[in-house]
Each structure stands twice: as structure tokens, then as C-alpha cells.
Amino acid sequence: MQADANSNTEKPLAGKTLFITGASRGIGKAIALRAGADGANVVIAAKTAEPHPKLPGTIYTAAEEIEAAGGKALPLIVDIRDDGRVAEAVAEAVAKFGGIDILVNNASAISLTGTLYTPLKRFDLMHQVNARGTFTCSHFCIPHLLKAENPHILNISPPLNMNPRWFKDHVAYTMAKYGMSMCVLGMAAEFAEKGLAVNALWPQTAIATAAMNMLGGDAALKRCRTVDIMSDAAHLILSRPSRAATGNFYIDEDLLREAGVTDFTRYAIDPEIEPITDFFLD
């Protein structure tokens, strides 16, 4: 009988406090719900306080779902481009839950446009959210993470692939996204001796999120997997001893195969259609 990523009756994240950026929807919320099912405390650091006309969910609806799953939630309005607000949010999280065990840098901005078609305002947004936002949240969370028993930083970012294919059509986005990955490379080495794990997680296939729907519509969504594959993979990473697992660029499918999962149709939007390989993976 094949193994199930959710079959373990233990709840390794019970009582842990996770600070997750962009957790009002998509992959961030899925990771939050998976942790909530363990009985974790989840800080939802995102901008969506009011319902968006085209996108589902707010920090408050996400909090309700996390608590319904069995966790505790702290919804905070946070724009990670604002240093002062990030510092305040981290302080609020520590005051509420007594510390921070895990930081998930999930928030991201995307524009798949070439050099002549990327407004500089959009360039700035991607770099401020992806690279600088990841660095900012890490900067303010690390002093608290270093006090935790099993501290982790997990960036939702790709392996560093220098194939020009991944630069030529959207160099600005690639630079910004790789900035998140370079944080993994540097911080994993910087804090290895202190026991802080810093890793990246990226999907093998496209994931059905609001961003993917906006990019490709319903036809593209049918060739995607659900966010659950990323949350299951993230749960595996965050459950590991931090000193034994740092500096890795994990791929969701590889992790789950190692855990014994053999049937990935459970994650398919349409099991009859082969999912498309995600960006940055040759």
C-alpha cells in the first residue's frame, strides 16, 4: 500500500509558531492550514484585509479556516515592503505567541514581461516584494528564530538555474525570484552553526493559484496540481531537525516520493491531463 503524506498520526508542528507572508490565499494559506491541522500558531502576514473583486480570501477568512482546522491564528495587515510594519508585526507575533519557530517567505510579485515591456515601477515592485521582502522578514525574524528549539526559514523560491532560457523572456522577474533563492544560499551558510535551517521549496509542476488563473485562465488550471502538494511538502521540511536539513533547494514531488508517495493524481486538477512543468526547471 502506498504511503500517504498525511498518514503520520503525530503532529510535529503542534504549538509551533509560524510567520507566513502572503498567507491569505494560495500556497501560503495551504501551508498555514496544514500547520493549523497540527495545532500550530499561524501569523498571517498579508495585505488583503478587504475582499478583492477578483481574488478569493482575506487575512480574516484565512484565520477562520486555520482555527477551524485546529490551529490558532493571528491575522496581521502587513506590506512586507514596509520595514517598520514588518518589525511591528514580528513584535506582535512574539507578544501573542511567545516567540517564532518558523518563517515562510511566500509573498511574491510576478510579471512575465521582457525588458522593453516591464515598467520600472513593476521592476521595483517585484524586487521590493520578492528579494527585499524576503530579506526584510528574515532580518526581523531571525533574532527570535535563534531562540527556538527547531528553527526553520522556508522560501518559496526556485533552484538557481543559470540556463539563459529562464532569463531571456522575463529577466526582471527571474532576477527578483532568484533573489529569494540567494537568501537561502547565503543565510543557510551564515547560520548553519547556530542551528537555523534555511531552505527553498519549488513545485515540479504548475500550481493552481489565483496568479496562475490570471496568467493562463481555466485551460492552464486544468494542467496544474493543487496547492496541497506544496503544503504537504512544506510540512515534511518543517518537521525535520533544523541542523540536519539546511541549504537545500527542494522540489515538492521529489520530497514526497522520498516519503513514499507514488500516486500524484490526488493532487491533479484534472487527473486525465499531464501537468505542465513549472518555471526554472529544465
C-alpha atoms as a PDB file:
ATOM      1  CA  MET A   1       0.000   0.000   0.000  1.00  0.00           C
ATOM      2  CA  GLN A   2       1.407   3.381  -0.946  1.00  0.00           C
ATOM      3  CA  ALA A   3       2.377   5.812   1.786  1.00  0.00           C
ATOM      4  CA  ASP A   4       0.298   8.890   2.415  1.00  0.00           C
ATOM      5  CA  ALA A   5       1.991  12.209   3.224  1.00  0.00           C
ATOM      6  CA  ASN A   6      -0.740  12.841   5.796  1.00  0.00           C
ATOM      7  CA  SER A   7      -0.821   9.384   7.363  1.00  0.00           C
ATOM      8  CA  ASN A   8       1.513  10.173  10.255  1.00  0.00           C
ATOM      9  CA  THR A   9      -0.625  10.482  13.367  1.00  0.00           C
ATOM     10  CA  GLU A  10       1.991  12.658  15.075  1.00  0.00           C
ATOM     11  CA  LYS A  11       1.644  16.419  14.883  1.00  0.00           C
ATOM     12  CA  PRO A  12       5.210  17.755  14.744  1.00  0.00           C
ATOM     13  CA  LEU A  13       4.145  21.394  14.358  1.00  0.00           C
ATOM     14  CA  ALA A  14       1.808  21.396  17.374  1.00  0.00           C
ATOM     15  CA  GLY A  15       2.440  24.512  19.438  1.00  0.00           C
ATOM     16  CA  LYS A  16       4.943  25.899  16.937  1.00  0.00           C
ATOM     17  CA  THR A  17       4.540  29.487  15.741  1.00  0.00           C
ATOM     18  CA  LEU A  18       4.761  30.141  12.006  1.00  0.00           C
ATOM     19  CA  PHE A  19       5.075  33.606  10.471  1.00  0.00           C
ATOM     20  CA  ILE A  20       3.853  33.227   6.876  1.00  0.00           C
ATOM     21  CA  THR A  21       3.860  36.044   4.336  1.00  0.00           C
ATOM     22  CA  GLY A  22       1.137  36.143   1.710  1.00  0.00           C
ATOM     23  CA  ALA A  23      -0.913  33.582   3.638  1.00  0.00           C
ATOM     24  CA  SER A  24      -4.365  34.938   2.810  1.00  0.00           C
ATOM     25  CA  ARG A  25      -4.632  32.661  -0.244  1.00  0.00           C
ATOM     26  CA  GLY A  26      -2.820  30.173  -2.453  1.00  0.00           C
ATOM     27  CA  ILE A  27       0.274  28.278  -1.391  1.00  0.00           C
ATOM     28  CA  GLY A  28       0.806  30.411   1.708  1.00  0.00           C
ATOM     29  CA  LYS A  29      -2.673  29.664   3.023  1.00  0.00           C
ATOM     30  CA  ALA A  30      -2.315  25.964   2.210  1.00  0.00           C
ATOM     31  CA  ILE A  31       0.888  25.778   4.270  1.00  0.00           C
ATOM     32  CA  ALA A  32      -0.892  27.651   7.064  1.00  0.00           C
ATOM     33  CA  LEU A  33      -3.838  25.246   7.047  1.00  0.00           C
ATOM     34  CA  ARG A  34      -1.542  22.207   7.071  1.00  0.00           C
ATOM     35  CA  ALA A  35       0.264  23.608  10.099  1.00  0.00           C
ATOM     36  CA  GLY A  36      -3.030  24.557  11.705  1.00  0.00           C
ATOM     37  CA  ALA A  37      -4.176  20.960  11.447  1.00  0.00           C
ATOM     38  CA  ASP A  38      -1.194  20.071  13.656  1.00  0.00           C
ATOM     39  CA  GLY A  39      -2.294  22.627  16.231  1.00  0.00           C
ATOM     40  CA  ALA A  40       0.236  25.299  15.259  1.00  0.00           C
ATOM     41  CA  ASN A  41       0.006  29.044  15.812  1.00  0.00           C
ATOM     42  CA  VAL A  42      -0.038  30.871  12.482  1.00  0.00           C
ATOM     43  CA  VAL A  43       0.685  34.539  11.877  1.00  0.00           C
ATOM     44  CA  ILE A  44      -0.968  35.548   8.603  1.00  0.00           C
ATOM     45  CA  ALA A  45       1.133  38.457   7.335  1.00  0.00           C
ATOM     46  CA  ALA A  46      -0.552  39.765   4.195  1.00  0.00           C
ATOM     47  CA  LYS A  47      -2.118  42.883   2.698  1.00  0.00           C
ATOM     48  CA  THR A  48      -5.607  41.579   1.918  1.00  0.00           C
ATOM     49  CA  ALA A  49      -7.857  42.902   4.651  1.00  0.00           C
ATOM     50  CA  GLU A  50     -10.827  43.618   2.367  1.00  0.00           C
ATOM     51  CA  PRO A  51     -12.239  41.191  -0.219  1.00  0.00           C
ATOM     52  CA  HIS A  52     -10.633  41.559  -3.648  1.00  0.00           C
ATOM     53  CA  PRO A  53     -13.056  41.783  -6.597  1.00  0.00           C
ATOM     54  CA  LYS A  54     -11.235  39.013  -8.498  1.00  0.00           C
ATOM     55  CA  LEU A  55      -9.273  37.091  -5.863  1.00  0.00           C
ATOM     56  CA  PRO A  56     -10.710  34.971  -3.030  1.00  0.00           C
ATOM     57  CA  GLY A  57      -9.877  35.313   0.648  1.00  0.00           C
ATOM     58  CA  THR A  58      -8.656  37.824   3.206  1.00  0.00           C
ATOM     59  CA  ILE A  59      -6.396  37.525   6.227  1.00  0.00           C
ATOM     60  CA  TYR A  60      -9.531  37.194   8.353  1.00  0.00           C
ATOM     61  CA  THR A  61     -11.169  34.403   6.360  1.00  0.00           C
ATOM     62  CA  ALA A  62      -7.826  32.587   6.319  1.00  0.00           C
ATOM     63  CA  ALA A  63      -7.662  32.942  10.118  1.00  0.00           C
ATOM     64  CA  GLU A  64     -11.119  31.419  10.458  1.00  0.00           C
ATOM     65  CA  GLU A  65     -10.095  28.434   8.332  1.00  0.00           C
ATOM     66  CA  ILE A  66      -6.879  27.892  10.287  1.00  0.00           C
ATOM     67  CA  GLU A  67      -8.749  27.900  13.586  1.00  0.00           C
ATOM     68  CA  ALA A  68     -11.388  25.557  12.171  1.00  0.00           C
ATOM     69  CA  ALA A  69      -8.553  23.200  11.210  1.00  0.00           C
ATOM     70  CA  GLY A  70      -7.350  23.132  14.820  1.00  0.00           C
ATOM     71  CA  GLY A  71      -4.752  25.879  14.980  1.00  0.00           C
ATOM     72  CA  LYS A  72      -4.543  29.386  16.383  1.00  0.00           C
ATOM     73  CA  ALA A  73      -4.297  32.374  14.060  1.00  0.00           C
ATOM     74  CA  LEU A  74      -3.156  35.984  14.226  1.00  0.00           C
ATOM     75  CA  PRO A  75      -4.195  37.924  11.109  1.00  0.00           C
ATOM     76  CA  LEU A  76      -1.999  40.979  10.564  1.00  0.00           C
ATOM     77  CA  ILE A  77      -2.159  43.558   7.795  1.00  0.00           C
ATOM     78  CA  VAL A  78       1.438  43.643   6.553  1.00  0.00           C
ATOM     79  CA  ASP A  79       3.038  45.087   3.440  1.00  0.00           C
ATOM     80  CA  ILE A  80       6.489  43.480   3.536  1.00  0.00           C
ATOM     81  CA  ARG A  81       7.913  46.449   1.640  1.00  0.00           C
ATOM     82  CA  ASP A  82       7.384  48.496   4.819  1.00  0.00           C
ATOM     83  CA  ASP A  83      10.291  47.796   7.190  1.00  0.00           C
ATOM     84  CA  GLY A  84       8.593  49.387  10.167  1.00  0.00           C
ATOM     85  CA  ARG A  85       5.404  47.404   9.711  1.00  0.00           C
ATOM     86  CA  VAL A  86       7.315  44.130   9.396  1.00  0.00           C
ATOM     87  CA  ALA A  87       9.155  44.901  12.639  1.00  0.00           C
ATOM     88  CA  GLU A  88       5.835  45.697  14.363  1.00  0.00           C
ATOM     89  CA  ALA A  89       4.197  42.522  13.064  1.00  0.00           C
ATOM     90  CA  VAL A  90       7.069  40.361  14.290  1.00  0.00           C
ATOM     91  CA  ALA A  91       6.818  42.041  17.716  1.00  0.00           C
ATOM     92  CA  GLU A  92       3.038  41.429  17.772  1.00  0.00           C
ATOM     93  CA  ALA A  93       3.583  37.768  16.898  1.00  0.00           C
ATOM     94  CA  VAL A  94       6.114  37.332  19.691  1.00  0.00           C
ATOM     95  CA  ALA A  95       3.856  39.116  22.176  1.00  0.00           C
ATOM     96  CA  LYS A  96       0.906  36.901  21.215  1.00  0.00           C
ATOM     97  CA  PHE A  97       2.613  33.509  20.990  1.00  0.00           C
ATOM     98  CA  GLY A  98       5.862  33.910  22.931  1.00  0.00           C
ATOM     99  CA  GLY A  99       8.261  33.529  20.013  1.00  0.00           C
ATOM    100  CA  ILE A 100       8.648  32.465  16.380  1.00  0.00           C
ATOM    101  CA  ASP A 101       9.712  28.977  15.316  1.00  0.00           C
ATOM    102  CA  ILE A 102       9.265  29.133  11.559  1.00  0.00           C
ATOM    103  CA  LEU A 103       9.303  31.832   8.882  1.00  0.00           C
ATOM    104  CA  VAL A 104       7.777  31.061   5.490  1.00  0.00           C
ATOM    105  CA  ASN A 105       8.681  33.655   2.869  1.00  0.00           C
ATOM    106  CA  ASN A 106       5.864  33.045   0.409  1.00  0.00           C
ATOM    107  CA  ALA A 107       4.732  36.514  -0.710  1.00  0.00           C
ATOM    108  CA  SER A 108       5.731  37.241  -4.275  1.00  0.00           C
ATOM    109  CA  ALA A 109       5.045  39.552  -7.202  1.00  0.00           C
ATOM    110  CA  ILE A 110       5.195  38.419 -10.821  1.00  0.00           C
ATOM    111  CA  SER A 111       5.335  39.971 -14.283  1.00  0.00           C
ATOM    112  CA  LEU A 112       6.404  37.688 -17.123  1.00  0.00           C
ATOM    113  CA  THR A 113       7.499  40.522 -19.379  1.00  0.00           C
ATOM    114  CA  GLY A 114      10.619  41.288 -21.374  1.00  0.00           C
ATOM    115  CA  THR A 115      12.984  44.181 -20.837  1.00  0.00           C
ATOM    116  CA  LEU A 116      11.142  46.663 -23.061  1.00  0.00           C
ATOM    117  CA  TYR A 117       7.743  45.707 -21.676  1.00  0.00           C
ATOM    118  CA  THR A 118       8.476  45.819 -17.956  1.00  0.00           C
ATOM    119  CA  PRO A 119       7.661  49.248 -16.483  1.00  0.00           C
ATOM    120  CA  LEU A 120      10.262  50.280 -13.931  1.00  0.00           C
ATOM    121  CA  LYS A 121       7.515  50.561 -11.338  1.00  0.00           C
ATOM    122  CA  ARG A 122       6.807  46.863 -11.905  1.00  0.00           C
ATOM    123  CA  PHE A 123      10.520  46.038 -11.742  1.00  0.00           C
ATOM    124  CA  ASP A 124      10.708  47.819  -8.397  1.00  0.00           C
ATOM    125  CA  LEU A 125       7.616  46.033  -7.070  1.00  0.00           C
ATOM    126  CA  MET A 126       8.997  42.571  -7.868  1.00  0.00           C
ATOM    127  CA  HIS A 127      12.358  43.311  -6.288  1.00  0.00           C
ATOM    128  CA  GLN A 128      10.839  45.008  -3.247  1.00  0.00           C
ATOM    129  CA  VAL A 129       8.437  42.141  -2.554  1.00  0.00           C
ATOM    130  CA  ASN A 130      10.425  39.088  -3.660  1.00  0.00           C
ATOM    131  CA  ALA A 131      14.065  39.749  -2.855  1.00  0.00           C
ATOM    132  CA  ARG A 132      13.949  42.649  -0.409  1.00  0.00           C
ATOM    133  CA  GLY A 133      10.760  41.472   1.308  1.00  0.00           C
ATOM    134  CA  THR A 134      12.282  38.045   1.936  1.00  0.00           C
ATOM    135  CA  PHE A 135      15.441  39.631   3.303  1.00  0.00           C
ATOM    136  CA  THR A 136      13.434  42.057   5.462  1.00  0.00           C
ATOM    137  CA  CYS A 137      11.247  39.389   7.069  1.00  0.00           C
ATOM    138  CA  SER A 138      14.289  37.193   7.663  1.00  0.00           C
ATOM    139  CA  HIS A 139      16.180  40.126   9.198  1.00  0.00           C
ATOM    140  CA  PHE A 140      13.468  40.766  11.780  1.00  0.00           C
ATOM    141  CA  CYS A 141      12.520  37.140  12.470  1.00  0.00           C
ATOM    142  CA  ILE A 142      15.990  35.606  12.824  1.00  0.00           C
ATOM    143  CA  PRO A 143      16.736  37.011  16.311  1.00  0.00           C
ATOM    144  CA  HIS A 144      13.618  35.174  17.532  1.00  0.00           C
ATOM    145  CA  LEU A 145      14.213  32.061  15.424  1.00  0.00           C
ATOM    146  CA  LEU A 146      17.638  31.635  17.005  1.00  0.00           C
ATOM    147  CA  LYS A 147      15.892  31.197  20.361  1.00  0.00           C
ATOM    148  CA  ALA A 148      13.626  28.431  19.024  1.00  0.00           C
ATOM    149  CA  GLU A 149      14.171  24.715  19.557  1.00  0.00           C
ATOM    150  CA  ASN A 150      13.930  23.728  15.880  1.00  0.00           C
ATOM    151  CA  PRO A 151      14.001  26.921  13.787  1.00  0.00           C
ATOM    152  CA  HIS A 152      13.309  26.999  10.065  1.00  0.00           C
ATOM    153  CA  ILE A 153      13.119  29.539   7.273  1.00  0.00           C
ATOM    154  CA  LEU A 154      11.420  28.265   4.122  1.00  0.00           C
ATOM    155  CA  ASN A 155      11.427  30.388   0.970  1.00  0.00           C
ATOM    156  CA  ILE A 156       9.012  29.544  -1.825  1.00  0.00           C
ATOM    157  CA  SER A 157      11.634  30.049  -4.494  1.00  0.00           C
ATOM    158  CA  PRO A 158      13.324  28.046  -7.255  1.00  0.00           C
ATOM    159  CA  PRO A 159      16.692  26.357  -7.560  1.00  0.00           C
ATOM    160  CA  LEU A 160      19.284  28.677  -9.090  1.00  0.00           C
ATOM    161  CA  ASN A 161      19.314  27.642 -12.736  1.00  0.00           C
ATOM    162  CA  MET A 162      21.642  29.699 -14.936  1.00  0.00           C
ATOM    163  CA  ASN A 163      20.155  28.436 -18.219  1.00  0.00           C
ATOM    164  CA  PRO A 164      19.571  31.649 -20.270  1.00  0.00           C
ATOM    165  CA  ARG A 165      16.147  30.247 -21.157  1.00  0.00           C
ATOM    166  CA  TRP A 166      14.910  31.353 -17.748  1.00  0.00           C
ATOM    167  CA  PHE A 167      16.189  34.904 -18.172  1.00  0.00           C
ATOM    168  CA  LYS A 168      15.514  35.891 -21.760  1.00  0.00           C
ATOM    169  CA  ASP A 169      11.729  36.353 -21.657  1.00  0.00           C
ATOM    170  CA  HIS A 170      11.313  37.772 -18.140  1.00  0.00           C
ATOM    171  CA  VAL A 171      14.709  38.814 -16.818  1.00  0.00           C
ATOM    172  CA  ALA A 172      13.274  41.211 -14.206  1.00  0.00           C
ATOM    173  CA  TYR A 173      11.071  38.530 -12.635  1.00  0.00           C
ATOM    174  CA  THR A 174      13.856  35.947 -12.708  1.00  0.00           C
ATOM    175  CA  MET A 175      16.269  38.343 -11.005  1.00  0.00           C
ATOM    176  CA  ALA A 176      13.737  39.111  -8.285  1.00  0.00           C
ATOM    177  CA  LYS A 177      12.777  35.471  -7.723  1.00  0.00           C
ATOM    178  CA  TYR A 178      16.402  34.345  -7.691  1.00  0.00           C
ATOM    179  CA  GLY A 179      16.996  36.996  -5.040  1.00  0.00           C
ATOM    180  CA  MET A 180      14.856  34.878  -2.723  1.00  0.00           C
ATOM    181  CA  SER A 181      16.928  31.819  -3.603  1.00  0.00           C
ATOM    182  CA  MET A 182      20.201  33.639  -2.994  1.00  0.00           C
ATOM    183  CA  CYS A 183      18.907  34.423   0.504  1.00  0.00           C
ATOM    184  CA  VAL A 184      18.700  30.644   1.012  1.00  0.00           C
ATOM    185  CA  LEU A 185      22.206  30.104  -0.280  1.00  0.00           C
ATOM    186  CA  GLY A 186      23.721  32.812   1.909  1.00  0.00           C
ATOM    187  CA  MET A 187      21.697  32.541   5.099  1.00  0.00           C
ATOM    188  CA  ALA A 188      21.926  28.743   5.235  1.00  0.00           C
ATOM    189  CA  ALA A 189      25.712  29.030   5.355  1.00  0.00           C
ATOM    190  CA  GLU A 190      25.658  32.058   7.645  1.00  0.00           C
ATOM    191  CA  PHE A 191      23.502  30.445  10.330  1.00  0.00           C
ATOM    192  CA  ALA A 192      24.348  26.749   9.937  1.00  0.00           C
ATOM    193  CA  GLU A 193      26.447  26.620  13.110  1.00  0.00           C
ATOM    194  CA  LYS A 194      23.596  28.212  15.068  1.00  0.00           C
ATOM    195  CA  GLY A 195      21.142  25.501  14.015  1.00  0.00           C
ATOM    196  CA  LEU A 196      18.847  27.628  11.861  1.00  0.00           C
ATOM    197  CA  ALA A 197      17.661  25.748   8.766  1.00  0.00           C
ATOM    198  CA  VAL A 198      17.165  27.859   5.651  1.00  0.00           C
ATOM    199  CA  ASN A 199      15.718  26.047   2.654  1.00  0.00           C
ATOM    200  CA  ALA A 200      13.756  26.641  -0.545  1.00  0.00           C
ATOM    201  CA  LEU A 201      10.758  24.776  -1.900  1.00  0.00           C
ATOM    202  CA  TRP A 202       9.557  24.862  -5.504  1.00  0.00           C
ATOM    203  CA  PRO A 203       6.895  22.884  -7.377  1.00  0.00           C
ATOM    204  CA  GLN A 204       7.721  20.334 -10.059  1.00  0.00           C
ATOM    205  CA  THR A 205       4.575  21.383 -11.924  1.00  0.00           C
ATOM    206  CA  ALA A 206       2.462  24.491 -12.222  1.00  0.00           C
ATOM    207  CA  ILE A 207       0.211  25.027  -9.195  1.00  0.00           C
ATOM    208  CA  ALA A 208      -3.419  26.133  -9.396  1.00  0.00           C
ATOM    209  CA  THR A 209      -3.347  29.551  -7.758  1.00  0.00           C
ATOM    210  CA  ALA A 210      -5.056  32.859  -8.449  1.00  0.00           C
ATOM    211  CA  ALA A 211      -1.860  34.032 -10.147  1.00  0.00           C
ATOM    212  CA  MET A 212      -1.872  31.035 -12.487  1.00  0.00           C
ATOM    213  CA  ASN A 213      -5.538  31.639 -13.283  1.00  0.00           C
ATOM    214  CA  MET A 214      -4.759  35.249 -14.198  1.00  0.00           C
ATOM    215  CA  LEU A 215      -1.803  34.172 -16.360  1.00  0.00           C
ATOM    216  CA  GLY A 216      -3.404  31.284 -18.222  1.00  0.00           C
ATOM    217  CA  GLY A 217      -7.104  31.025 -17.406  1.00  0.00           C
ATOM    218  CA  ASP A 218      -9.130  27.849 -16.996  1.00  0.00           C
ATOM    219  CA  ALA A 219      -7.227  25.950 -19.688  1.00  0.00           C
ATOM    220  CA  ALA A 220      -3.946  26.420 -17.831  1.00  0.00           C
ATOM    221  CA  LEU A 221      -5.510  25.481 -14.488  1.00  0.00           C
ATOM    222  CA  LYS A 222      -6.503  22.075 -15.848  1.00  0.00           C
ATOM    223  CA  ARG A 223      -2.796  21.333 -16.346  1.00  0.00           C
ATOM    224  CA  CYS A 224      -1.913  22.226 -12.754  1.00  0.00           C
ATOM    225  CA  ARG A 225      -1.706  20.498  -9.406  1.00  0.00           C
ATOM    226  CA  THR A 226      -3.421  21.736  -6.271  1.00  0.00           C
ATOM    227  CA  VAL A 227      -1.725  23.774  -3.574  1.00  0.00           C
ATOM    228  CA  ASP A 228      -1.942  20.721  -1.300  1.00  0.00           C
ATOM    229  CA  ILE A 229       1.179  19.190  -2.831  1.00  0.00           C
ATOM    230  CA  MET A 230       3.199  22.223  -1.735  1.00  0.00           C
ATOM    231  CA  SER A 231       1.714  22.264   1.760  1.00  0.00           C
ATOM    232  CA  ASP A 232       2.407  18.544   2.227  1.00  0.00           C
ATOM    233  CA  ALA A 233       5.998  19.016   1.044  1.00  0.00           C
ATOM    234  CA  ALA A 234       6.483  22.084   3.256  1.00  0.00           C
ATOM    235  CA  HIS A 235       5.182  20.136   6.252  1.00  0.00           C
ATOM    236  CA  LEU A 236       7.834  17.469   5.663  1.00  0.00           C
ATOM    237  CA  ILE A 237      10.614  20.072   5.550  1.00  0.00           C
ATOM    238  CA  LEU A 238       9.450  21.998   8.608  1.00  0.00           C
ATOM    239  CA  SER A 239       9.125  18.796  10.625  1.00  0.00           C
ATOM    240  CA  ARG A 240      12.782  17.861  10.126  1.00  0.00           C
ATOM    241  CA  PRO A 241      15.583  18.621  12.597  1.00  0.00           C
ATOM    242  CA  SER A 242      16.905  22.009  11.555  1.00  0.00           C
ATOM    243  CA  ARG A 243      20.566  21.047  11.961  1.00  0.00           C
ATOM    244  CA  ALA A 244      20.107  18.112   9.591  1.00  0.00           C
ATOM    245  CA  ALA A 245      18.352  19.905   6.744  1.00  0.00           C
ATOM    246  CA  THR A 246      19.630  23.290   5.568  1.00  0.00           C
ATOM    247  CA  GLY A 247      20.756  24.900   2.344  1.00  0.00           C
ATOM    248  CA  ASN A 248      18.535  22.709   0.162  1.00  0.00           C
ATOM    249  CA  PHE A 249      16.516  23.628  -2.913  1.00  0.00           C
ATOM    250  CA  TYR A 250      13.722  21.104  -2.547  1.00  0.00           C
ATOM    251  CA  ILE A 251      11.247  20.116  -5.272  1.00  0.00           C
ATOM    252  CA  ASP A 252       7.832  19.102  -3.957  1.00  0.00           C
ATOM    253  CA  GLU A 253       7.454  15.907  -5.975  1.00  0.00           C
ATOM    254  CA  ASP A 254      10.947  14.647  -5.120  1.00  0.00           C
ATOM    255  CA  LEU A 255      10.316  15.167  -1.402  1.00  0.00           C
ATOM    256  CA  LEU A 256       7.026  13.331  -1.452  1.00  0.00           C
ATOM    257  CA  ARG A 257       8.476  10.441  -3.457  1.00  0.00           C
ATOM    258  CA  GLU A 258      11.167  10.093  -0.793  1.00  0.00           C
ATOM    259  CA  ALA A 259       8.362   9.985   1.791  1.00  0.00           C
ATOM    260  CA  GLY A 260       6.725   7.110  -0.065  1.00  0.00           C
ATOM    261  CA  VAL A 261       4.066   8.840  -2.147  1.00  0.00           C
ATOM    262  CA  THR A 262       3.685   7.168  -5.545  1.00  0.00           C
ATOM    263  CA  ASP A 263       0.287   8.361  -6.779  1.00  0.00           C
ATOM    264  CA  PHE A 264       0.278  12.060  -7.625  1.00  0.00           C
ATOM    265  CA  THR A 265      -3.123  12.096  -9.298  1.00  0.00           C
ATOM    266  CA  ARG A 266      -4.582  13.036  -5.904  1.00  0.00           C
ATOM    267  CA  TYR A 267      -3.012  16.468  -6.439  1.00  0.00           C
ATOM    268  CA  ALA A 268      -4.117  16.907 -10.056  1.00  0.00           C
ATOM    269  CA  ILE A 269      -6.798  19.408 -11.026  1.00  0.00           C
ATOM    270  CA  ASP A 270      -7.636  17.052 -13.893  1.00  0.00           C
ATOM    271  CA  PRO A 271      -6.164  13.556 -13.412  1.00  0.00           C
ATOM    272  CA  GLU A 272      -6.638  12.855 -17.141  1.00  0.00           C
ATOM    273  CA  ILE A 273      -4.266  15.668 -18.165  1.00  0.00           C
ATOM    274  CA  GLU A 274      -0.482  15.622 -17.696  1.00  0.00           C
ATOM    275  CA  PRO A 275       0.539  18.640 -15.599  1.00  0.00           C
ATOM    276  CA  ILE A 276       2.967  21.157 -17.079  1.00  0.00           C
ATOM    277  CA  THR A 277       6.466  21.544 -15.632  1.00  0.00           C
ATOM    278  CA  ASP A 278       6.903  24.760 -13.690  1.00  0.00           C
ATOM    279  CA  PHE A 279       9.293  27.632 -14.397  1.00  0.00           C
ATOM    280  CA  PHE A 280      13.021  27.310 -13.725  1.00  0.00           C
ATOM    281  CA  LEU A 281      13.073  23.510 -14.087  1.00  0.00           C
ATOM    282  CA  ASP A 282      14.686  22.147 -17.250  1.00  0.00           C
END
